[in-house]
Amino acid sequence: MESLYKLYANTLYNYGSKFTDDKDLIKECIQELFVTVWTRREYLSEPPNVRNYLFKAFRLSLFKKGNMLQKQVRYEETEHYDFHASITIEEEIITGEDNAVLQRRLQATLDQLTARQREAIFLKFYEGLSYEEIAEIMDISVKGAYKVMARAIDALRDKLDPDDFLLLLTLFSLKLFH
């Protein structure tokens, strides 16, 4: 259990910080997740993908504890939650004032996406998850994961000029997305 915690705690914390700035809530949800796994280990079967199981359980816990869902709205269907992601551009790629201007322009475009779209992009490009894994974590169908991602990419392509769009995809591939 300790090795699982060491392997995933920082990743879950990073993921949780995209939903809320409440560091204590994030830490509490991570701790409760691992305590629950430990105390219920006799009753839990081994999931096919431990990382997906932890991401999904953590996400659900964070949503429930953070009161991010209204009682009448189903978890899978809501688009009304926060998911903050930011772009960081390394000095080696772009220097000087152009860096700050470009970073603000890319961030403004990213902020125009829905929370679900930002989350899907984060999971795909930063965490390197497959569409099947994204669907499982976000509790949507695989087709839905493809749809969310396609809409996000289309929106980015429409809002950015071709050079900025290619740069953004490069940043995603370099995992400069936090």
C-alpha atoms as a PDB file:
ATOM      1  CA  MET A   1       0.000   0.000   0.000  1.00  0.00           C
ATOM      2  CA  GLU A   2       2.865   2.344   0.792  1.00  0.00           C
ATOM      3  CA  SER A   3       4.323   1.856  -2.674  1.00  0.00           C
ATOM      4  CA  LEU A   4       0.937   2.647  -4.261  1.00  0.00           C
ATOM      5  CA  TYR A   5       0.719   5.802  -2.174  1.00  0.00           C
ATOM      6  CA  LYS A   6       4.227   6.886  -3.141  1.00  0.00           C
ATOM      7  CA  LEU A   7       3.540   6.135  -6.790  1.00  0.00           C
ATOM      8  CA  TYR A   8       0.204   7.949  -7.098  1.00  0.00           C
ATOM      9  CA  ALA A   9      -0.183  10.539  -4.307  1.00  0.00           C
ATOM     10  CA  ASN A  10       1.587  13.382  -6.141  1.00  0.00           C
ATOM     11  CA  THR A  11      -0.199  12.614  -9.413  1.00  0.00           C
ATOM     12  CA  LEU A  12      -3.577  12.577  -7.660  1.00  0.00           C
ATOM     13  CA  TYR A  13      -2.711  15.820  -5.873  1.00  0.00           C
ATOM     14  CA  ASN A  14      -1.834  17.457  -9.197  1.00  0.00           C
ATOM     15  CA  TYR A  15      -5.093  16.189 -10.719  1.00  0.00           C
ATOM     16  CA  GLY A  16      -7.104  17.377  -7.705  1.00  0.00           C
ATOM     17  CA  SER A  17      -5.555  20.836  -7.893  1.00  0.00           C
ATOM     18  CA  LYS A  18      -7.227  21.266 -11.279  1.00  0.00           C
ATOM     19  CA  PHE A  19     -10.635  21.030  -9.595  1.00  0.00           C
ATOM     20  CA  THR A  20     -10.059  23.077  -6.448  1.00  0.00           C
ATOM     21  CA  ASP A  21      -7.543  25.326  -4.715  1.00  0.00           C
ATOM     22  CA  ASP A  22      -8.452  23.746  -1.362  1.00  0.00           C
ATOM     23  CA  LYS A  23      -5.207  21.890  -0.601  1.00  0.00           C
ATOM     24  CA  ASP A  24      -6.591  20.410   2.598  1.00  0.00           C
ATOM     25  CA  LEU A  25      -9.573  18.958   0.753  1.00  0.00           C
ATOM     26  CA  ILE A  26      -7.292  17.406  -1.860  1.00  0.00           C
ATOM     27  CA  LYS A  27      -5.014  15.882   0.794  1.00  0.00           C
ATOM     28  CA  GLU A  28      -7.998  14.640   2.793  1.00  0.00           C
ATOM     29  CA  CYS A  29      -9.506  12.932  -0.258  1.00  0.00           C
ATOM     30  CA  ILE A  30      -6.183  11.295  -1.134  1.00  0.00           C
ATOM     31  CA  GLN A  31      -5.712  10.042   2.415  1.00  0.00           C
ATOM     32  CA  GLU A  32      -9.271   8.766   2.659  1.00  0.00           C
ATOM     33  CA  LEU A  33      -8.913   6.995  -0.671  1.00  0.00           C
ATOM     34  CA  PHE A  34      -5.864   5.043   0.460  1.00  0.00           C
ATOM     35  CA  VAL A  35      -7.301   4.376   3.926  1.00  0.00           C
ATOM     36  CA  THR A  36     -10.480   3.036   2.318  1.00  0.00           C
ATOM     37  CA  VAL A  37      -8.516   0.835  -0.060  1.00  0.00           C
ATOM     38  CA  TRP A  38      -6.478  -0.484   2.862  1.00  0.00           C
ATOM     39  CA  THR A  39      -9.406  -1.118   5.207  1.00  0.00           C
ATOM     40  CA  ARG A  40     -11.586  -2.661   2.498  1.00  0.00           C
ATOM     41  CA  ARG A  41      -8.815  -4.617   0.790  1.00  0.00           C
ATOM     42  CA  GLU A  42     -10.433  -7.938   1.733  1.00  0.00           C
ATOM     43  CA  TYR A  43     -13.621  -6.977  -0.092  1.00  0.00           C
ATOM     44  CA  LEU A  44     -12.083  -5.300  -3.120  1.00  0.00           C
ATOM     45  CA  SER A  45     -11.116  -7.259  -6.177  1.00  0.00           C
ATOM     46  CA  GLU A  46      -7.992  -6.182  -8.016  1.00  0.00           C
ATOM     47  CA  PRO A  47      -9.026  -3.687 -10.692  1.00  0.00           C
ATOM     48  CA  PRO A  48      -7.795  -4.208 -14.252  1.00  0.00           C
ATOM     49  CA  ASN A  49      -6.039  -0.840 -14.078  1.00  0.00           C
ATOM     50  CA  VAL A  50      -5.047   0.427 -10.626  1.00  0.00           C
ATOM     51  CA  ARG A  51      -4.240   3.953 -11.842  1.00  0.00           C
ATOM     52  CA  ASN A  52      -7.680   4.354 -13.430  1.00  0.00           C
ATOM     53  CA  TYR A  53      -9.371   2.988 -10.344  1.00  0.00           C
ATOM     54  CA  LEU A  54      -7.532   5.468  -8.117  1.00  0.00           C
ATOM     55  CA  PHE A  55      -8.185   8.429 -10.447  1.00  0.00           C
ATOM     56  CA  LYS A  56     -11.883   7.613 -10.708  1.00  0.00           C
ATOM     57  CA  ALA A  57     -12.364   6.988  -6.979  1.00  0.00           C
ATOM     58  CA  PHE A  58     -10.402  10.135  -6.119  1.00  0.00           C
ATOM     59  CA  ARG A  59     -12.385  12.249  -8.588  1.00  0.00           C
ATOM     60  CA  LEU A  60     -15.696  11.004  -7.199  1.00  0.00           C
ATOM     61  CA  SER A  61     -14.552  11.614  -3.624  1.00  0.00           C
ATOM     62  CA  LEU A  62     -13.381  15.119  -4.465  1.00  0.00           C
ATOM     63  CA  PHE A  63     -16.690  15.910  -6.139  1.00  0.00           C
ATOM     64  CA  LYS A  64     -18.728  14.569  -3.225  1.00  0.00           C
ATOM     65  CA  LYS A  65     -16.658  16.210  -0.503  1.00  0.00           C
ATOM     66  CA  GLY A  66     -16.240  19.454  -2.348  1.00  0.00           C
ATOM     67  CA  ASN A  67     -19.982  19.832  -2.799  1.00  0.00           C
ATOM     68  CA  MET A  68     -19.239  20.390  -6.463  1.00  0.00           C
ATOM     69  CA  LEU A  69     -22.423  18.649  -7.461  1.00  0.00           C
ATOM     70  CA  GLN A  70     -25.961  19.664  -6.767  1.00  0.00           C
ATOM     71  CA  LYS A  71     -28.046  16.865  -5.314  1.00  0.00           C
ATOM     72  CA  GLN A  72     -30.428  16.696  -8.266  1.00  0.00           C
ATOM     73  CA  VAL A  73     -27.713  16.530 -10.958  1.00  0.00           C
ATOM     74  CA  ARG A  74     -26.268  13.155 -11.857  1.00  0.00           C
ATOM     75  CA  TYR A  75     -22.488  12.910 -11.553  1.00  0.00           C
ATOM     76  CA  GLU A  76     -21.926  11.686 -15.110  1.00  0.00           C
ATOM     77  CA  GLU A  77     -24.030  14.346 -16.748  1.00  0.00           C
ATOM     78  CA  THR A  78     -22.818  17.522 -15.123  1.00  0.00           C
ATOM     79  CA  GLU A  79     -20.700  20.033 -16.969  1.00  0.00           C
ATOM     80  CA  HIS A  80     -20.847  22.446 -14.027  1.00  0.00           C
ATOM     81  CA  TYR A  81     -17.615  21.877 -12.204  1.00  0.00           C
ATOM     82  CA  ASP A  82     -14.313  23.663 -12.217  1.00  0.00           C
ATOM     83  CA  PHE A  83     -11.242  22.226 -13.849  1.00  0.00           C
ATOM     84  CA  HIS A  84      -8.295  24.587 -14.042  1.00  0.00           C
ATOM     85  CA  ALA A  85      -5.336  23.862 -16.221  1.00  0.00           C
ATOM     86  CA  SER A  86      -2.509  26.086 -17.266  1.00  0.00           C
ATOM     87  CA  ILE A  87       0.129  26.203 -19.938  1.00  0.00           C
ATOM     88  CA  THR A  88       3.758  26.723 -19.048  1.00  0.00           C
ATOM     89  CA  ILE A  89       6.166  27.668 -21.769  1.00  0.00           C
ATOM     90  CA  GLU A  90       9.796  26.951 -21.108  1.00  0.00           C
ATOM     91  CA  GLU A  91      12.289  29.742 -21.724  1.00  0.00           C
ATOM     92  CA  GLU A  92      14.178  27.545 -24.172  1.00  0.00           C
ATOM     93  CA  ILE A  93      11.187  27.458 -26.507  1.00  0.00           C
ATOM     94  CA  ILE A  94      10.253  31.116 -26.564  1.00  0.00           C
ATOM     95  CA  THR A  95      12.098  33.974 -24.921  1.00  0.00           C
ATOM     96  CA  GLY A  96      11.356  37.410 -23.618  1.00  0.00           C
ATOM     97  CA  GLU A  97       8.108  39.287 -23.875  1.00  0.00           C
ATOM     98  CA  ASP A  98       6.840  37.040 -26.662  1.00  0.00           C
ATOM     99  CA  ASN A  99       6.729  34.230 -24.104  1.00  0.00           C
ATOM    100  CA  ALA A 100       4.362  36.078 -21.765  1.00  0.00           C
ATOM    101  CA  VAL A 101       2.120  37.324 -24.588  1.00  0.00           C
ATOM    102  CA  LEU A 102       1.896  33.895 -26.179  1.00  0.00           C
ATOM    103  CA  GLN A 103       1.330  32.181 -22.856  1.00  0.00           C
ATOM    104  CA  ARG A 104      -1.554  34.553 -22.044  1.00  0.00           C
ATOM    105  CA  ARG A 105      -3.074  34.041 -25.505  1.00  0.00           C
ATOM    106  CA  LEU A 106      -2.857  30.236 -25.266  1.00  0.00           C
ATOM    107  CA  GLN A 107      -4.164  30.240 -21.696  1.00  0.00           C
ATOM    108  CA  ALA A 108      -7.110  32.469 -22.634  1.00  0.00           C
ATOM    109  CA  THR A 109      -8.008  30.059 -25.421  1.00  0.00           C
ATOM    110  CA  LEU A 110      -7.693  27.048 -23.136  1.00  0.00           C
ATOM    111  CA  ASP A 111      -9.885  28.783 -20.553  1.00  0.00           C
ATOM    112  CA  GLN A 112     -12.671  29.051 -23.156  1.00  0.00           C
ATOM    113  CA  LEU A 113     -13.015  25.264 -23.264  1.00  0.00           C
ATOM    114  CA  THR A 114     -15.518  23.536 -21.006  1.00  0.00           C
ATOM    115  CA  ALA A 115     -14.242  21.977 -17.798  1.00  0.00           C
ATOM    116  CA  ARG A 116     -14.804  18.510 -19.279  1.00  0.00           C
ATOM    117  CA  GLN A 117     -12.780  19.399 -22.359  1.00  0.00           C
ATOM    118  CA  ARG A 118      -9.903  20.767 -20.258  1.00  0.00           C
ATOM    119  CA  GLU A 119      -9.996  17.677 -18.059  1.00  0.00           C
ATOM    120  CA  ALA A 120      -9.951  15.320 -21.063  1.00  0.00           C
ATOM    121  CA  ILE A 121      -7.024  17.206 -22.607  1.00  0.00           C
ATOM    122  CA  PHE A 122      -5.160  17.105 -19.304  1.00  0.00           C
ATOM    123  CA  LEU A 123      -5.713  13.359 -18.910  1.00  0.00           C
ATOM    124  CA  LYS A 124      -4.754  12.644 -22.523  1.00  0.00           C
ATOM    125  CA  PHE A 125      -1.739  14.882 -22.954  1.00  0.00           C
ATOM    126  CA  TYR A 126      -0.343  15.301 -19.442  1.00  0.00           C
ATOM    127  CA  GLU A 127      -1.183  11.929 -17.927  1.00  0.00           C
ATOM    128  CA  GLY A 128      -0.852  10.075 -21.245  1.00  0.00           C
ATOM    129  CA  LEU A 129      -4.061   8.104 -20.782  1.00  0.00           C
ATOM    130  CA  SER A 130      -5.900   6.262 -23.525  1.00  0.00           C
ATOM    131  CA  TYR A 131      -9.442   7.185 -24.515  1.00  0.00           C
ATOM    132  CA  GLU A 132     -10.685   4.069 -22.730  1.00  0.00           C
ATOM    133  CA  GLU A 133      -8.940   5.162 -19.534  1.00  0.00           C
ATOM    134  CA  ILE A 134     -10.236   8.727 -19.863  1.00  0.00           C
ATOM    135  CA  ALA A 135     -13.765   7.404 -20.332  1.00  0.00           C
ATOM    136  CA  GLU A 136     -13.472   5.243 -17.243  1.00  0.00           C
ATOM    137  CA  ILE A 137     -12.117   8.053 -15.049  1.00  0.00           C
ATOM    138  CA  MET A 138     -14.599  10.655 -16.280  1.00  0.00           C
ATOM    139  CA  ASP A 139     -17.422   8.110 -16.123  1.00  0.00           C
ATOM    140  CA  ILE A 140     -18.423   8.556 -19.753  1.00  0.00           C
ATOM    141  CA  SER A 141     -18.459   6.204 -22.715  1.00  0.00           C
ATOM    142  CA  VAL A 142     -15.352   5.726 -24.857  1.00  0.00           C
ATOM    143  CA  LYS A 143     -17.272   7.335 -27.697  1.00  0.00           C
ATOM    144  CA  GLY A 144     -18.013  10.240 -25.350  1.00  0.00           C
ATOM    145  CA  ALA A 145     -14.300  10.589 -24.548  1.00  0.00           C
ATOM    146  CA  TYR A 146     -13.480  10.768 -28.254  1.00  0.00           C
ATOM    147  CA  LYS A 147     -16.270  13.314 -28.721  1.00  0.00           C
ATOM    148  CA  VAL A 148     -15.110  15.541 -25.849  1.00  0.00           C
ATOM    149  CA  MET A 149     -11.535  15.446 -27.120  1.00  0.00           C
ATOM    150  CA  ALA A 150     -12.544  16.115 -30.733  1.00  0.00           C
ATOM    151  CA  ARG A 151     -14.672  19.075 -29.683  1.00  0.00           C
ATOM    152  CA  ALA A 152     -11.820  20.446 -27.580  1.00  0.00           C
ATOM    153  CA  ILE A 153      -9.299  20.113 -30.406  1.00  0.00           C
ATOM    154  CA  ASP A 154     -11.764  21.636 -32.891  1.00  0.00           C
ATOM    155  CA  ALA A 155     -12.433  24.562 -30.556  1.00  0.00           C
ATOM    156  CA  LEU A 156      -8.716  25.160 -30.085  1.00  0.00           C
ATOM    157  CA  ARG A 157      -8.101  24.938 -33.829  1.00  0.00           C
ATOM    158  CA  ASP A 158     -10.928  27.424 -34.498  1.00  0.00           C
ATOM    159  CA  LYS A 159      -9.780  29.928 -31.888  1.00  0.00           C
ATOM    160  CA  LEU A 160      -6.032  29.854 -32.585  1.00  0.00           C
ATOM    161  CA  ASP A 161      -4.109  30.723 -35.686  1.00  0.00           C
ATOM    162  CA  PRO A 162      -2.373  27.687 -37.265  1.00  0.00           C
ATOM    163  CA  ASP A 163       1.073  28.484 -35.790  1.00  0.00           C
ATOM    164  CA  ASP A 164      -0.274  28.894 -32.261  1.00  0.00           C
ATOM    165  CA  PHE A 165      -2.338  25.723 -32.617  1.00  0.00           C
ATOM    166  CA  LEU A 166       0.736  23.716 -33.653  1.00  0.00           C
ATOM    167  CA  LEU A 167       2.731  25.237 -30.796  1.00  0.00           C
ATOM    168  CA  LEU A 168      -0.015  24.299 -28.333  1.00  0.00           C
ATOM    169  CA  LEU A 169      -0.003  20.694 -29.585  1.00  0.00           C
ATOM    170  CA  THR A 170       3.790  20.685 -29.213  1.00  0.00           C
ATOM    171  CA  LEU A 171       3.483  21.958 -25.639  1.00  0.00           C
ATOM    172  CA  PHE A 172       0.945  19.219 -24.918  1.00  0.00           C
ATOM    173  CA  SER A 173       3.297  16.590 -26.311  1.00  0.00           C
ATOM    174  CA  LEU A 174       6.145  17.968 -24.170  1.00  0.00           C
ATOM    175  CA  LYS A 175       3.850  17.803 -21.128  1.00  0.00           C
ATOM    176  CA  LEU A 176       4.154  21.512 -20.418  1.00  0.00           C
ATOM    177  CA  PHE A 177       0.492  21.497 -19.448  1.00  0.00           C
ATOM    178  CA  HIS A 178      -0.261  21.648 -15.712  1.00  0.00           C
END
